[in-house]
Protein backbone atom coordinates (compact mmCIF):
# COMPACT_ATOMS: atom_id res chain seq x y z
CA MET A 1 49.01 166.18 91.69
CA SER A 2 45.33 165.50 92.25
CA PRO A 3 43.88 162.28 90.80
CA GLY A 4 42.81 162.47 87.19
CA THR A 5 44.09 166.03 86.66
CA LEU A 6 45.47 166.69 83.20
CA HIS A 7 48.62 168.79 82.85
CA PRO A 8 49.04 169.19 79.06
CA GLY A 9 51.97 171.58 79.42
CA ASN A 10 54.19 168.62 80.36
CA LEU A 11 53.45 166.60 77.20
CA GLY A 12 56.20 168.26 75.16
CA ARG A 13 58.81 167.52 77.82
CA TRP A 14 57.63 163.93 78.17
CA PHE A 15 57.74 163.50 74.40
CA GLU A 16 61.31 164.79 74.38
CA GLU A 17 62.18 162.28 77.11
CA LEU A 18 60.53 159.48 75.11
CA CYS A 19 62.92 160.25 72.24
CA ARG A 20 65.96 159.52 74.44
CA PHE A 21 67.17 155.93 74.51
CA ARG A 22 67.27 154.06 77.77
CA HIS A 23 68.73 151.05 75.95
CA GLN A 24 70.38 151.30 72.54
CA ARG A 25 69.91 147.55 72.00
CA LEU A 26 67.45 145.21 73.69
CA GLN A 27 70.38 142.84 74.20
CA GLU A 28 71.43 145.10 77.09
CA ILE A 29 68.39 144.06 79.15
CA ALA A 30 68.23 140.36 78.22
CA VAL A 31 70.07 137.45 79.81
CA SER A 32 73.14 136.27 77.87
CA THR A 33 71.21 133.47 76.16
CA GLY A 34 68.58 135.96 74.98
CA ILE A 35 65.65 133.79 76.10
CA ARG A 36 64.22 136.27 78.65
CA LEU A 37 64.69 139.72 80.11
CA ALA A 38 67.24 140.02 82.91
CA ALA A 39 65.79 140.34 86.42
CA ASN A 40 65.18 143.96 87.43
CA ALA A 41 66.37 145.22 84.04
CA LEU A 42 63.28 147.41 83.70
CA PRO A 43 61.04 149.17 86.23
CA ASP A 44 57.67 147.86 87.34
CA GLU A 45 55.99 151.26 87.10
CA GLY A 46 53.66 152.24 84.30
CA GLY A 47 54.45 154.62 81.48
CA VAL A 48 54.75 155.17 77.75
CA TYR A 49 57.43 153.31 75.79
CA ALA A 50 58.83 153.22 72.27
CA PHE A 51 60.75 150.59 70.34
CA TRP A 52 63.25 151.86 67.75
CA TRP A 53 65.28 150.31 64.96
CA THR A 54 68.79 151.28 66.08
CA GLY A 55 70.72 148.86 63.86
CA SER A 56 71.94 149.24 60.32
CA THR A 57 69.47 150.87 57.93
CA THR A 58 71.19 148.90 55.15
CA LEU A 59 69.77 145.72 56.68
CA LEU A 60 66.28 147.21 56.43
CA GLN A 61 66.82 148.36 52.84
CA LYS A 62 68.10 144.96 51.69
CA LYS A 63 66.00 142.47 53.65
CA MET A 64 62.85 144.19 54.88
CA SER A 65 59.49 143.27 53.38
CA ARG A 66 57.82 146.61 52.63
CA GLU A 67 54.30 145.43 51.88
CA ILE A 68 51.51 144.75 54.34
CA VAL A 69 47.81 144.19 53.73
CA LEU A 70 45.45 145.12 56.57
CA LYS A 71 41.78 144.25 56.87
CA GLY A 72 39.50 147.25 56.48
CA PRO A 73 35.72 147.64 56.69
CA SER A 74 33.85 144.45 55.71
CA GLU A 75 37.20 142.58 55.61
CA LYS A 76 38.25 144.65 52.56
CA PRO A 77 42.03 144.33 51.99
CA VAL A 78 43.89 147.61 52.47
CA PRO A 79 47.47 147.43 51.10
CA LEU A 80 50.18 149.64 52.61
CA HIS A 81 53.78 150.19 51.52
CA PHE A 82 56.50 151.13 54.03
CA SER A 83 58.45 153.55 51.82
CA ASP A 84 61.88 155.01 52.56
CA GLU A 85 60.15 158.33 53.25
CA TRP A 86 57.69 156.79 55.71
CA LEU A 87 60.53 155.16 57.63
CA GLY A 88 62.85 158.15 57.29
CA LEU A 89 65.72 155.98 56.03
CA SER A 90 67.54 158.89 54.40
CA THR A 91 68.07 160.55 57.80
CA LYS A 92 70.24 157.61 58.96
CA LEU A 93 68.64 158.13 62.40
CA PRO A 94 66.93 155.48 64.57
CA ILE A 95 63.49 154.55 63.25
CA PRO A 96 60.51 154.42 65.63
CA LEU A 97 58.76 151.06 65.20
CA TYR A 98 56.05 150.97 67.88
CA VAL A 99 54.75 153.17 70.70
CA GLY A 100 52.67 151.80 73.57
CA LYS A 101 51.53 152.49 77.10
CA THR A 102 50.89 150.56 80.29
CA ALA A 103 49.32 151.57 83.61
CA ALA A 104 51.82 149.46 85.59
CA GLY A 105 54.44 146.77 85.08
CA LEU A 106 56.61 148.17 82.28
CA SER A 107 58.96 145.20 82.66
CA ASN A 108 56.15 142.68 82.21
CA ARG A 109 54.66 144.58 79.26
CA ILE A 110 57.99 144.77 77.42
CA GLY A 111 58.56 141.05 78.06
CA ARG A 112 55.20 140.22 76.48
CA HIS A 113 56.09 142.32 73.43
CA LEU A 114 59.33 140.45 72.84
CA LEU A 115 58.32 136.77 73.24
CA LEU A 116 61.94 135.88 73.89
CA GLY A 117 61.17 132.20 74.46
CA HIS A 118 60.68 131.75 70.69
CA GLU A 119 62.97 132.16 67.68
CA ARG A 120 59.94 133.48 65.77
CA ALA A 121 56.42 134.53 66.75
CA LEU A 122 54.93 134.18 63.26
CA PRO A 123 55.41 131.34 60.76
CA LEU A 124 58.40 131.50 58.44
CA GLY A 125 57.70 132.61 54.88
CA LYS A 126 56.60 135.69 53.01
CA GLU A 127 53.02 136.84 53.48
CA SER A 128 51.91 140.38 52.74
CA GLU A 129 48.64 139.99 54.64
CA LYS A 130 49.04 140.91 58.29
CA ALA A 131 49.16 137.62 60.18
CA GLU A 132 47.28 136.95 63.38
CA HIS A 133 49.69 137.43 66.26
CA PRO A 134 49.99 134.63 68.84
CA THR A 135 49.04 137.07 71.64
CA THR A 136 47.37 140.48 71.82
CA SER A 137 50.51 141.93 73.43
CA CYS A 138 53.33 141.16 70.98
CA GLN A 139 52.96 143.93 68.41
CA LEU A 140 56.70 144.58 68.29
CA ARG A 141 57.72 140.95 67.78
CA GLY A 142 54.89 140.31 65.33
CA GLY A 143 55.94 143.38 63.35
CA ILE A 144 59.58 142.28 63.25
CA ASP A 145 58.55 138.81 62.07
CA HIS A 146 56.34 140.34 59.38
CA ILE A 147 59.02 142.60 57.91
CA PHE A 148 61.62 139.80 58.06
CA PRO A 149 59.49 136.86 56.86
CA ASN A 150 62.41 134.64 55.86
CA GLU A 151 64.62 135.21 58.91
CA ARG A 152 64.69 131.94 60.86
CA ASP A 153 65.69 133.57 64.17
CA THR A 154 64.18 137.04 64.54
CA ARG A 155 64.86 136.97 68.28
CA THR A 156 68.59 137.53 67.73
CA LEU A 157 67.96 140.08 64.99
CA MET A 158 65.58 142.00 67.28
CA LEU A 159 67.89 141.93 70.31
CA GLU A 160 70.81 143.25 68.25
CA ASN A 161 68.97 145.91 66.22
CA VAL A 162 66.09 147.27 68.30
CA GLY A 163 66.35 149.79 71.14
CA LEU A 164 63.97 151.02 73.83
CA SER A 165 62.98 154.34 75.32
CA PHE A 166 60.33 155.07 77.94
CA VAL A 167 58.82 157.67 80.24
CA LEU A 168 57.58 156.57 83.66
CA LEU A 169 54.01 157.81 84.27
CA ASP A 170 52.69 155.39 86.86
CA GLY A 171 49.19 154.68 88.12
CA ASP A 172 45.73 156.15 87.72
CA VAL A 173 46.88 159.70 88.35
CA HIS A 174 48.69 159.59 85.00
CA ALA A 175 46.00 157.78 82.96
CA ALA A 176 45.19 160.81 80.79
CA HIS A 177 48.88 161.69 80.42
CA ARG A 178 49.73 158.21 79.13
CA PHE A 179 46.83 158.36 76.68
CA TYR A 180 47.77 161.72 75.19
CA LEU A 181 51.53 161.11 75.19
CA GLU A 182 51.06 157.82 73.31
CA ASP A 183 48.72 159.59 70.87
CA LEU A 184 51.16 162.47 70.37
CA ALA A 185 54.12 160.14 69.84
CA ILE A 186 52.26 157.98 67.30
CA GLY A 187 51.12 161.09 65.42
CA MET A 188 54.60 162.62 65.38
CA MET A 189 56.70 159.49 64.78
CA HIS A 190 54.44 157.46 62.42
CA PRO A 191 55.71 154.10 63.75
CA PRO A 192 54.80 151.39 61.21
CA PHE A 193 53.76 148.72 63.71
CA ASN A 194 51.08 151.01 65.19
CA VAL A 195 49.15 151.35 61.94
CA ASP A 196 45.63 150.04 62.11
CA ILE A 197 42.65 150.44 59.80
CA GLU A 198 39.13 151.38 60.84
CA ARG A 199 36.66 148.52 60.79
């Protein structure tokens, strides 16, 4: 494949691959104490990845905070509600939470999403306004903490109830493919932690 060449005919197949779990629970790729990813548990190549809620949907229905307020143009508050329909709870299937991409170092990128050295990434307590995340790379963990504001240890909850899928598309030669596959997956799956509002 020549550098920078786009092959859109493959996007459908890559999307199908992205919908297949590599790990049903993140616990499978963490050390037994849950404080970090296991060595060599994930590849170092780049690609597109998706986090999924693979645990009980009853837990989401009973404990999940459904409201979030994002900042829109001129700091205007924009309230959103994660309805059963949005999440697809009635299907009883895994729920896509976040889709992302990385040019290289999938293992490192996933580790930064999870922040496994901490029981929580965001302060304890219910807040509907989207809180500032401690890093620019922890959208999954920040999202989990937001929807479970009163859970003292979201690390354990996340490791037991969130799964991972990914497609390896490494290096510059796949830059356009990663971009369009991430875009396609977000548009098709509607993962709640990807939602952003125009400024």
